[in-house]
mmCIF file of all heavy atoms, coordinates in Angstrom:
data_MODEL
# 
_entry.id   MODEL 
# 
loop_
_atom_site.group_PDB 
_atom_site.id 
_atom_site.type_symbol 
_atom_site.label_atom_id 
_atom_site.label_alt_id 
_atom_site.label_comp_id 
_atom_site.label_asym_id 
_atom_site.label_entity_id 
_atom_site.label_seq_id 
_atom_site.pdbx_PDB_ins_code 
_atom_site.Cartn_x 
_atom_site.Cartn_y 
_atom_site.Cartn_z 
_atom_site.occupancy 
_atom_site.B_iso_or_equiv 
_atom_site.pdbx_formal_charge 
_atom_site.auth_seq_id 
_atom_site.auth_comp_id 
_atom_site.auth_asym_id 
_atom_site.auth_atom_id 
_atom_site.pdbx_PDB_model_num 
ATOM 1   N N   . VAL A 1 1  ? 0.802  -1.206 -0.008  1.00 0.00 ? 1  VAL A N   1 
ATOM 2   C CA  . VAL A 1 1  ? -0.012 -0.027 -0.034  1.00 0.00 ? 1  VAL A CA  1 
ATOM 3   C C   . VAL A 1 1  ? 0.847  1.278  0.011   1.00 0.00 ? 1  VAL A C   1 
ATOM 4   O O   . VAL A 1 1  ? 0.537  2.256  -0.699  1.00 0.00 ? 1  VAL A O   1 
ATOM 5   C CB  . VAL A 1 1  ? -0.935 -0.017 1.221   1.00 0.00 ? 1  VAL A CB  1 
ATOM 6   C CG1 . VAL A 1 1  ? -1.687 1.299  1.286   1.00 0.00 ? 1  VAL A CG1 1 
ATOM 7   C CG2 . VAL A 1 1  ? -1.906 -1.182 1.108   1.00 0.00 ? 1  VAL A CG2 1 
ATOM 8   N N   . THR A 1 2  ? 1.908  1.264  0.776   1.00 0.00 ? 2  THR A N   1 
ATOM 9   C CA  . THR A 1 2  ? 2.758  2.457  0.870   1.00 0.00 ? 2  THR A CA  1 
ATOM 10  C C   . THR A 1 2  ? 3.425  2.773  -0.559  1.00 0.00 ? 2  THR A C   1 
ATOM 11  O O   . THR A 1 2  ? 3.437  3.903  -0.975  1.00 0.00 ? 2  THR A O   1 
ATOM 12  C CB  . THR A 1 2  ? 3.826  2.258  1.874   1.00 0.00 ? 2  THR A CB  1 
ATOM 13  O OG1 . THR A 1 2  ? 3.275  2.031  3.207   1.00 0.00 ? 2  THR A OG1 1 
ATOM 14  C CG2 . THR A 1 2  ? 4.708  3.483  2.016   1.00 0.00 ? 2  THR A CG2 1 
ATOM 15  N N   . ILE A 1 3  ? 3.922  1.706  -1.177  1.00 0.00 ? 3  ILE A N   1 
ATOM 16  C CA  . ILE A 1 3  ? 4.582  1.914  -2.437  1.00 0.00 ? 3  ILE A CA  1 
ATOM 17  C C   . ILE A 1 3  ? 3.513  2.237  -3.532  1.00 0.00 ? 3  ILE A C   1 
ATOM 18  O O   . ILE A 1 3  ? 3.813  3.074  -4.385  1.00 0.00 ? 3  ILE A O   1 
ATOM 19  C CB  . ILE A 1 3  ? 5.357  0.609  -2.879  1.00 0.00 ? 3  ILE A CB  1 
ATOM 20  C CG1 . ILE A 1 3  ? 6.379  0.216  -1.805  1.00 0.00 ? 3  ILE A CG1 1 
ATOM 21  C CG2 . ILE A 1 3  ? 6.015  0.824  -4.255  1.00 0.00 ? 3  ILE A CG2 1 
ATOM 22  C CD1 . ILE A 1 3  ? 7.416  1.330  -1.573  1.00 0.00 ? 3  ILE A CD1 1 
ATOM 23  N N   . GLN A 1 4  ? 2.323  1.697  -3.422  1.00 0.00 ? 4  GLN A N   1 
ATOM 24  C CA  . GLN A 1 4  ? 1.263  2.068  -4.358  1.00 0.00 ? 4  GLN A CA  1 
ATOM 25  C C   . GLN A 1 4  ? 1.007  3.588  -4.314  1.00 0.00 ? 4  GLN A C   1 
ATOM 26  O O   . GLN A 1 4  ? 0.955  4.250  -5.350  1.00 0.00 ? 4  GLN A O   1 
ATOM 27  C CB  . GLN A 1 4  ? -0.024 1.337  -3.947  1.00 0.00 ? 4  GLN A CB  1 
ATOM 28  C CG  . GLN A 1 4  ? -0.120 -0.081 -4.340  1.00 0.00 ? 4  GLN A CG  1 
ATOM 29  C CD  . GLN A 1 4  ? -1.506 -0.668 -3.987  1.00 0.00 ? 4  GLN A CD  1 
ATOM 30  O OE1 . GLN A 1 4  ? -2.461 0.047  -3.766  1.00 0.00 ? 4  GLN A OE1 1 
ATOM 31  N NE2 . GLN A 1 4  ? -1.566 -1.994 -3.984  1.00 0.00 ? 4  GLN A NE2 1 
ATOM 32  N N   . ALA A 1 5  ? 0.907  4.170  -3.135  1.00 0.00 ? 5  ALA A N   1 
ATOM 33  C CA  . ALA A 1 5  ? 0.685  5.573  -3.010  1.00 0.00 ? 5  ALA A CA  1 
ATOM 34  C C   . ALA A 1 5  ? 1.828  6.391  -3.602  1.00 0.00 ? 5  ALA A C   1 
ATOM 35  O O   . ALA A 1 5  ? 1.590  7.408  -4.245  1.00 0.00 ? 5  ALA A O   1 
ATOM 36  C CB  . ALA A 1 5  ? 0.456  5.939  -1.506  1.00 0.00 ? 5  ALA A CB  1 
ATOM 37  N N   . GLN A 1 6  ? 3.061  5.940  -3.389  1.00 0.00 ? 6  GLN A N   1 
ATOM 38  C CA  . GLN A 1 6  ? 4.209  6.642  -3.920  1.00 0.00 ? 6  GLN A CA  1 
ATOM 39  C C   . GLN A 1 6  ? 4.185  6.630  -5.463  1.00 0.00 ? 6  GLN A C   1 
ATOM 40  O O   . GLN A 1 6  ? 4.470  7.643  -6.107  1.00 0.00 ? 6  GLN A O   1 
ATOM 41  C CB  . GLN A 1 6  ? 5.506  5.981  -3.393  1.00 0.00 ? 6  GLN A CB  1 
ATOM 42  C CG  . GLN A 1 6  ? 5.700  6.202  -1.909  1.00 0.00 ? 6  GLN A CG  1 
ATOM 43  C CD  . GLN A 1 6  ? 6.943  5.451  -1.444  1.00 0.00 ? 6  GLN A CD  1 
ATOM 44  O OE1 . GLN A 1 6  ? 7.667  4.835  -2.211  1.00 0.00 ? 6  GLN A OE1 1 
ATOM 45  N NE2 . GLN A 1 6  ? 7.224  5.519  -0.130  1.00 0.00 ? 6  GLN A NE2 1 
ATOM 46  N N   . ILE A 1 7  ? 3.856  5.466  -6.036  1.00 0.00 ? 7  ILE A N   1 
ATOM 47  C CA  . ILE A 1 7  ? 3.858  5.353  -7.516  1.00 0.00 ? 7  ILE A CA  1 
ATOM 48  C C   . ILE A 1 7  ? 2.756  6.282  -8.077  1.00 0.00 ? 7  ILE A C   1 
ATOM 49  O O   . ILE A 1 7  ? 2.961  6.963  -9.088  1.00 0.00 ? 7  ILE A O   1 
ATOM 50  C CB  . ILE A 1 7  ? 3.646  3.910  -7.934  1.00 0.00 ? 7  ILE A CB  1 
ATOM 51  C CG1 . ILE A 1 7  ? 4.855  3.071  -7.514  1.00 0.00 ? 7  ILE A CG1 1 
ATOM 52  C CG2 . ILE A 1 7  ? 3.419  3.807  -9.437  1.00 0.00 ? 7  ILE A CG2 1 
ATOM 53  C CD1 . ILE A 1 7  ? 6.177  3.479  -8.138  1.00 0.00 ? 7  ILE A CD1 1 
ATOM 54  N N   . LEU A 1 8  ? 1.573  6.239  -7.513  1.00 0.00 ? 8  LEU A N   1 
ATOM 55  C CA  . LEU A 1 8  ? 0.458  7.116  -7.995  1.00 0.00 ? 8  LEU A CA  1 
ATOM 56  C C   . LEU A 1 8  ? 0.820  8.561  -7.903  1.00 0.00 ? 8  LEU A C   1 
ATOM 57  O O   . LEU A 1 8  ? 0.570  9.402  -8.765  1.00 0.00 ? 8  LEU A O   1 
ATOM 58  C CB  . LEU A 1 8  ? -0.785 6.785  -7.191  1.00 0.00 ? 8  LEU A CB  1 
ATOM 59  C CG  . LEU A 1 8  ? -1.512 5.463  -7.571  1.00 0.00 ? 8  LEU A CG  1 
ATOM 60  C CD1 . LEU A 1 8  ? -2.649 5.212  -6.601  1.00 0.00 ? 8  LEU A CD1 1 
ATOM 61  C CD2 . LEU A 1 8  ? -2.002 5.463  -9.021  1.00 0.00 ? 8  LEU A CD2 1 
ATOM 62  N N   . ASP A 1 9  ? 1.414  8.958  -6.731  1.00 0.00 ? 9  ASP A N   1 
ATOM 63  C CA  . ASP A 1 9  ? 1.841  10.318 -6.552  1.00 0.00 ? 9  ASP A CA  1 
ATOM 64  C C   . ASP A 1 9  ? 2.871  10.760 -7.607  1.00 0.00 ? 9  ASP A C   1 
ATOM 65  O O   . ASP A 1 9  ? 2.882  11.869 -8.115  1.00 0.00 ? 9  ASP A O   1 
ATOM 66  C CB  . ASP A 1 9  ? 2.379  10.505 -5.167  1.00 0.00 ? 9  ASP A CB  1 
ATOM 67  C CG  . ASP A 1 9  ? 1.336  10.491 -4.083  1.00 0.00 ? 9  ASP A CG  1 
ATOM 68  O OD1 . ASP A 1 9  ? 0.089  10.647 -4.384  1.00 0.00 ? 9  ASP A OD1 1 
ATOM 69  O OD2 . ASP A 1 9  ? 1.664  10.367 -2.860  1.00 0.00 ? 9  ASP A OD2 1 
ATOM 70  N N   . LEU A 1 10 ? 3.751  9.803  -7.896  1.00 0.00 ? 10 LEU A N   1 
ATOM 71  C CA  . LEU A 1 10 ? 4.811  10.111 -8.880  1.00 0.00 ? 10 LEU A CA  1 
ATOM 72  C C   . LEU A 1 10 ? 4.182  10.312 -10.274 1.00 0.00 ? 10 LEU A C   1 
ATOM 73  O O   . LEU A 1 10 ? 4.532  11.286 -10.957 1.00 0.00 ? 10 LEU A O   1 
ATOM 74  C CB  . LEU A 1 10 ? 5.816  8.921  -8.958  1.00 0.00 ? 10 LEU A CB  1 
ATOM 75  C CG  . LEU A 1 10 ? 6.864  8.973  -10.077 1.00 0.00 ? 10 LEU A CG  1 
ATOM 76  C CD1 . LEU A 1 10 ? 7.685  10.278 -9.935  1.00 0.00 ? 10 LEU A CD1 1 
ATOM 77  C CD2 . LEU A 1 10 ? 7.728  7.736  -10.045 1.00 0.00 ? 10 LEU A CD2 1 
ATOM 78  N N   . ILE A 1 11 ? 3.227  9.478  -10.661 1.00 0.00 ? 11 ILE A N   1 
ATOM 79  C CA  . ILE A 1 11 ? 2.586  9.623  -11.969 1.00 0.00 ? 11 ILE A CA  1 
ATOM 80  C C   . ILE A 1 11 ? 1.865  10.989 -12.047 1.00 0.00 ? 11 ILE A C   1 
ATOM 81  O O   . ILE A 1 11 ? 1.940  11.717 -13.037 1.00 0.00 ? 11 ILE A O   1 
ATOM 82  C CB  . ILE A 1 11 ? 1.578  8.451  -12.244 1.00 0.00 ? 11 ILE A CB  1 
ATOM 83  C CG1 . ILE A 1 11 ? 2.355  7.154  -12.412 1.00 0.00 ? 11 ILE A CG1 1 
ATOM 84  C CG2 . ILE A 1 11 ? 0.737  8.758  -13.454 1.00 0.00 ? 11 ILE A CG2 1 
ATOM 85  C CD1 . ILE A 1 11 ? 1.519  5.912  -12.533 1.00 0.00 ? 11 ILE A CD1 1 
ATOM 86  N N   . LEU A 1 12 ? 1.197  11.326 -10.993 1.00 0.00 ? 12 LEU A N   1 
ATOM 87  C CA  . LEU A 1 12 ? 0.423  12.621 -10.987 1.00 0.00 ? 12 LEU A CA  1 
ATOM 88  C C   . LEU A 1 12 ? 1.362  13.806 -10.989 1.00 0.00 ? 12 LEU A C   1 
ATOM 89  O O   . LEU A 1 12 ? 1.102  14.840 -11.655 1.00 0.00 ? 12 LEU A O   1 
ATOM 90  C CB  . LEU A 1 12 ? -0.482 12.686 -9.708  1.00 0.00 ? 12 LEU A CB  1 
ATOM 91  C CG  . LEU A 1 12 ? -1.653 11.690 -9.670  1.00 0.00 ? 12 LEU A CG  1 
ATOM 92  C CD1 . LEU A 1 12 ? -2.366 11.833 -8.342  1.00 0.00 ? 12 LEU A CD1 1 
ATOM 93  C CD2 . LEU A 1 12 ? -2.603 11.925 -10.806 1.00 0.00 ? 12 LEU A CD2 1 
ATOM 94  N N   . GLU A 1 13 ? 2.521  13.709 -10.301 1.00 0.00 ? 13 GLU A N   1 
ATOM 95  C CA  . GLU A 1 13 ? 3.505  14.758 -10.288 1.00 0.00 ? 13 GLU A CA  1 
ATOM 96  C C   . GLU A 1 13 ? 4.053  14.943 -11.709 1.00 0.00 ? 13 GLU A C   1 
ATOM 97  O O   . GLU A 1 13 ? 4.175  16.109 -12.139 1.00 0.00 ? 13 GLU A O   1 
ATOM 98  C CB  . GLU A 1 13 ? 4.623  14.430 -9.298  1.00 0.00 ? 13 GLU A CB  1 
ATOM 99  C CG  . GLU A 1 13 ? 5.729  15.425 -9.277  1.00 0.00 ? 13 GLU A CG  1 
ATOM 100 C CD  . GLU A 1 13 ? 6.930  14.935 -8.440  1.00 0.00 ? 13 GLU A CD  1 
ATOM 101 O OE1 . GLU A 1 13 ? 6.740  14.073 -7.517  1.00 0.00 ? 13 GLU A OE1 1 
ATOM 102 O OE2 . GLU A 1 13 ? 8.020  15.416 -8.640  1.00 0.00 ? 13 GLU A OE2 1 
ATOM 103 N N   . LEU A 1 14 ? 4.404  13.864 -12.340 1.00 0.00 ? 14 LEU A N   1 
ATOM 104 C CA  . LEU A 1 14 ? 4.955  13.962 -13.683 1.00 0.00 ? 14 LEU A CA  1 
ATOM 105 C C   . LEU A 1 14 ? 3.952  14.502 -14.661 1.00 0.00 ? 14 LEU A C   1 
ATOM 106 O O   . LEU A 1 14 ? 4.246  15.264 -15.539 1.00 0.00 ? 14 LEU A O   1 
ATOM 107 C CB  . LEU A 1 14 ? 5.479  12.589 -14.139 1.00 0.00 ? 14 LEU A CB  1 
ATOM 108 C CG  . LEU A 1 14 ? 6.684  12.049 -13.384 1.00 0.00 ? 14 LEU A CG  1 
ATOM 109 C CD1 . LEU A 1 14 ? 6.973  10.621 -13.773 1.00 0.00 ? 14 LEU A CD1 1 
ATOM 110 C CD2 . LEU A 1 14 ? 7.934  12.943 -13.641 1.00 0.00 ? 14 LEU A CD2 1 
ATOM 111 N N   . GLN A 1 15 ? 2.691  14.089 -14.478 1.00 0.00 ? 15 GLN A N   1 
ATOM 112 C CA  . GLN A 1 15 ? 1.605  14.561 -15.308 1.00 0.00 ? 15 GLN A CA  1 
ATOM 113 C C   . GLN A 1 15 ? 1.450  16.119 -15.185 1.00 0.00 ? 15 GLN A C   1 
ATOM 114 O O   . GLN A 1 15 ? 1.381  16.828 -16.213 1.00 0.00 ? 15 GLN A O   1 
ATOM 115 C CB  . GLN A 1 15 ? 0.307  13.926 -15.001 1.00 0.00 ? 15 GLN A CB  1 
ATOM 116 C CG  . GLN A 1 15 ? -0.882 14.446 -15.879 1.00 0.00 ? 15 GLN A CG  1 
ATOM 117 C CD  . GLN A 1 15 ? -2.183 13.793 -15.447 1.00 0.00 ? 15 GLN A CD  1 
ATOM 118 O OE1 . GLN A 1 15 ? -2.440 13.453 -14.279 1.00 0.00 ? 15 GLN A OE1 1 
ATOM 119 N NE2 . GLN A 1 15 ? -3.126 13.726 -16.396 1.00 0.00 ? 15 GLN A NE2 1 
ATOM 120 N N   . ALA A 1 16 ? 1.458  16.577 -13.920 1.00 0.00 ? 16 ALA A N   1 
ATOM 121 C CA  . ALA A 1 16 ? 1.312  18.010 -13.736 1.00 0.00 ? 16 ALA A CA  1 
ATOM 122 C C   . ALA A 1 16 ? 2.515  18.764 -14.280 1.00 0.00 ? 16 ALA A C   1 
ATOM 123 O O   . ALA A 1 16 ? 2.382  19.872 -14.849 1.00 0.00 ? 16 ALA A O   1 
ATOM 124 C CB  . ALA A 1 16 ? 1.201  18.273 -12.268 1.00 0.00 ? 16 ALA A CB  1 
ATOM 125 N N   . ARG A 1 17 ? 3.702  18.176 -14.227 1.00 0.00 ? 17 ARG A N   1 
ATOM 126 C CA  . ARG A 1 17 ? 4.915  18.850 -14.692 1.00 0.00 ? 17 ARG A CA  1 
ATOM 127 C C   . ARG A 1 17 ? 4.996  18.898 -16.203 1.00 0.00 ? 17 ARG A C   1 
ATOM 128 O O   . ARG A 1 17 ? 5.342  19.873 -16.799 1.00 0.00 ? 17 ARG A O   1 
ATOM 129 C CB  . ARG A 1 17 ? 6.141  18.186 -14.110 1.00 0.00 ? 17 ARG A CB  1 
ATOM 130 C CG  . ARG A 1 17 ? 7.477  18.837 -14.491 1.00 0.00 ? 17 ARG A CG  1 
ATOM 131 C CD  . ARG A 1 17 ? 8.672  17.961 -14.086 1.00 0.00 ? 17 ARG A CD  1 
ATOM 132 N NE  . ARG A 1 17 ? 8.638  17.681 -12.683 1.00 0.00 ? 17 ARG A NE  1 
ATOM 133 C CZ  . ARG A 1 17 ? 9.451  16.782 -12.089 1.00 0.00 ? 17 ARG A CZ  1 
ATOM 134 N NH1 . ARG A 1 17 ? 10.321 16.117 -12.855 1.00 0.00 ? 17 ARG A NH1 1 
ATOM 135 N NH2 . ARG A 1 17 ? 9.409  16.576 -10.809 1.00 0.00 ? 17 ARG A NH2 1 
ATOM 136 N N   . GLU A 1 18 ? 4.605  17.773 -16.804 1.00 0.00 ? 18 GLU A N   1 
ATOM 137 C CA  . GLU A 1 18 ? 4.769  17.620 -18.252 1.00 0.00 ? 18 GLU A CA  1 
ATOM 138 C C   . GLU A 1 18 ? 3.538  17.984 -19.061 1.00 0.00 ? 18 GLU A C   1 
ATOM 139 O O   . GLU A 1 18 ? 3.561  18.120 -20.280 1.00 0.00 ? 18 GLU A O   1 
ATOM 140 C CB  . GLU A 1 18 ? 5.220  16.221 -18.607 1.00 0.00 ? 18 GLU A CB  1 
ATOM 141 C CG  . GLU A 1 18 ? 6.468  15.725 -17.851 1.00 0.00 ? 18 GLU A CG  1 
ATOM 142 C CD  . GLU A 1 18 ? 7.695  16.554 -18.165 1.00 0.00 ? 18 GLU A CD  1 
ATOM 143 O OE1 . GLU A 1 18 ? 7.768  17.243 -19.244 1.00 0.00 ? 18 GLU A OE1 1 
ATOM 144 O OE2 . GLU A 1 18 ? 8.648  16.599 -17.350 1.00 0.00 ? 18 GLU A OE2 1 
ATOM 145 N N   . GLY A 1 19 ? 2.358  17.995 -18.410 1.00 0.00 ? 19 GLY A N   1 
ATOM 146 C CA  . GLY A 1 19 ? 1.095  18.263 -19.056 1.00 0.00 ? 19 GLY A CA  1 
ATOM 147 C C   . GLY A 1 19 ? 0.562  17.171 -19.936 1.00 0.00 ? 19 GLY A C   1 
ATOM 148 O O   . GLY A 1 19 ? -0.217 17.416 -20.881 1.00 0.00 ? 19 GLY A O   1 
ATOM 149 N N   . MET A 1 20 ? 1.000  15.950 -19.667 1.00 0.00 ? 20 MET A N   1 
ATOM 150 C CA  . MET A 1 20 ? 0.603  14.810 -20.493 1.00 0.00 ? 20 MET A CA  1 
ATOM 151 C C   . MET A 1 20 ? -0.765 14.356 -20.085 1.00 0.00 ? 20 MET A C   1 
ATOM 152 O O   . MET A 1 20 ? -1.272 14.631 -19.003 1.00 0.00 ? 20 MET A O   1 
ATOM 153 C CB  . MET A 1 20 ? 1.597  13.655 -20.365 1.00 0.00 ? 20 MET A CB  1 
ATOM 154 C CG  . MET A 1 20 ? 1.651  13.050 -19.015 1.00 0.00 ? 20 MET A CG  1 
ATOM 155 S SD  . MET A 1 20 ? 2.874  11.747 -18.851 1.00 0.00 ? 20 MET A SD  1 
ATOM 156 C CE  . MET A 1 20 ? 2.674  11.297 -17.099 1.00 0.00 ? 20 MET A CE  1 
ATOM 157 N N   . SER A 1 21 ? -1.417 13.549 -20.957 1.00 0.00 ? 21 SER A N   1 
ATOM 158 C CA  . SER A 1 21 ? -2.653 12.912 -20.676 1.00 0.00 ? 21 SER A CA  1 
ATOM 159 C C   . SER A 1 21 ? -2.331 11.500 -20.123 1.00 0.00 ? 21 SER A C   1 
ATOM 160 O O   . SER A 1 21 ? -1.306 10.878 -20.492 1.00 0.00 ? 21 SER A O   1 
ATOM 161 C CB  . SER A 1 21 ? -3.537 12.746 -21.896 1.00 0.00 ? 21 SER A CB  1 
ATOM 162 O OG  . SER A 1 21 ? -3.832 14.078 -22.430 1.00 0.00 ? 21 SER A OG  1 
ATOM 163 N N   . VAL A 1 22 ? -3.295 10.957 -19.341 1.00 0.00 ? 22 VAL A N   1 
ATOM 164 C CA  . VAL A 1 22 ? -3.077 9.593  -18.742 1.00 0.00 ? 22 VAL A CA  1 
ATOM 165 C C   . VAL A 1 22 ? -4.342 8.755  -18.928 1.00 0.00 ? 22 VAL A C   1 
ATOM 166 O O   . VAL A 1 22 ? -5.407 9.241  -18.619 1.00 0.00 ? 22 VAL A O   1 
ATOM 167 C CB  . VAL A 1 22 ? -2.732 9.697  -17.194 1.00 0.00 ? 22 VAL A CB  1 
ATOM 168 C CG1 . VAL A 1 22 ? -2.609 8.309  -16.625 1.00 0.00 ? 22 VAL A CG1 1 
ATOM 169 C CG2 . VAL A 1 22 ? -1.428 10.487 -16.990 1.00 0.00 ? 22 VAL A CG2 1 
ATOM 170 N N   . LEU A 1 23 ? -4.169 7.594  -19.478 1.00 0.00 ? 23 LEU A N   1 
ATOM 171 C CA  . LEU A 1 23 ? -5.220 6.585  -19.506 1.00 0.00 ? 23 LEU A CA  1 
ATOM 172 C C   . LEU A 1 23 ? -4.857 5.589  -18.394 1.00 0.00 ? 23 LEU A C   1 
ATOM 173 O O   . LEU A 1 23 ? -3.923 4.796  -18.537 1.00 0.00 ? 23 LEU A O   1 
ATOM 174 C CB  . LEU A 1 23 ? -5.252 5.904  -20.847 1.00 0.00 ? 23 LEU A CB  1 
ATOM 175 C CG  . LEU A 1 23 ? -6.329 4.832  -20.997 1.00 0.00 ? 23 LEU A CG  1 
ATOM 176 C CD1 . LEU A 1 23 ? -7.744 5.398  -20.852 1.00 0.00 ? 23 LEU A CD1 1 
ATOM 177 C CD2 . LEU A 1 23 ? -6.200 4.108  -22.361 1.00 0.00 ? 23 LEU A CD2 1 
ATOM 178 N N   . LEU A 1 24 ? -5.617 5.605  -17.335 1.00 0.00 ? 24 LEU A N   1 
ATOM 179 C CA  . LEU A 1 24 ? -5.326 4.812  -16.102 1.00 0.00 ? 24 LEU A CA  1 
ATOM 180 C C   . LEU A 1 24 ? -6.247 3.630  -16.121 1.00 0.00 ? 24 LEU A C   1 
ATOM 181 O O   . LEU A 1 24 ? -7.467 3.701  -15.978 1.00 0.00 ? 24 LEU A O   1 
ATOM 182 C CB  . LEU A 1 24 ? -5.551 5.622  -14.884 1.00 0.00 ? 24 LEU A CB  1 
ATOM 183 C CG  . LEU A 1 24 ? -5.335 4.932  -13.571 1.00 0.00 ? 24 LEU A CG  1 
ATOM 184 C CD1 . LEU A 1 24 ? -3.908 4.387  -13.374 1.00 0.00 ? 24 LEU A CD1 1 
ATOM 185 C CD2 . LEU A 1 24 ? -5.692 5.809  -12.374 1.00 0.00 ? 24 LEU A CD2 1 
# 
């Protein structure tokens, strides 16, 4: 669970920084 949260936060951080779209 802890690593799950870190990976999701990382994807959202990169999305916000790069402006990409995500199909989750």
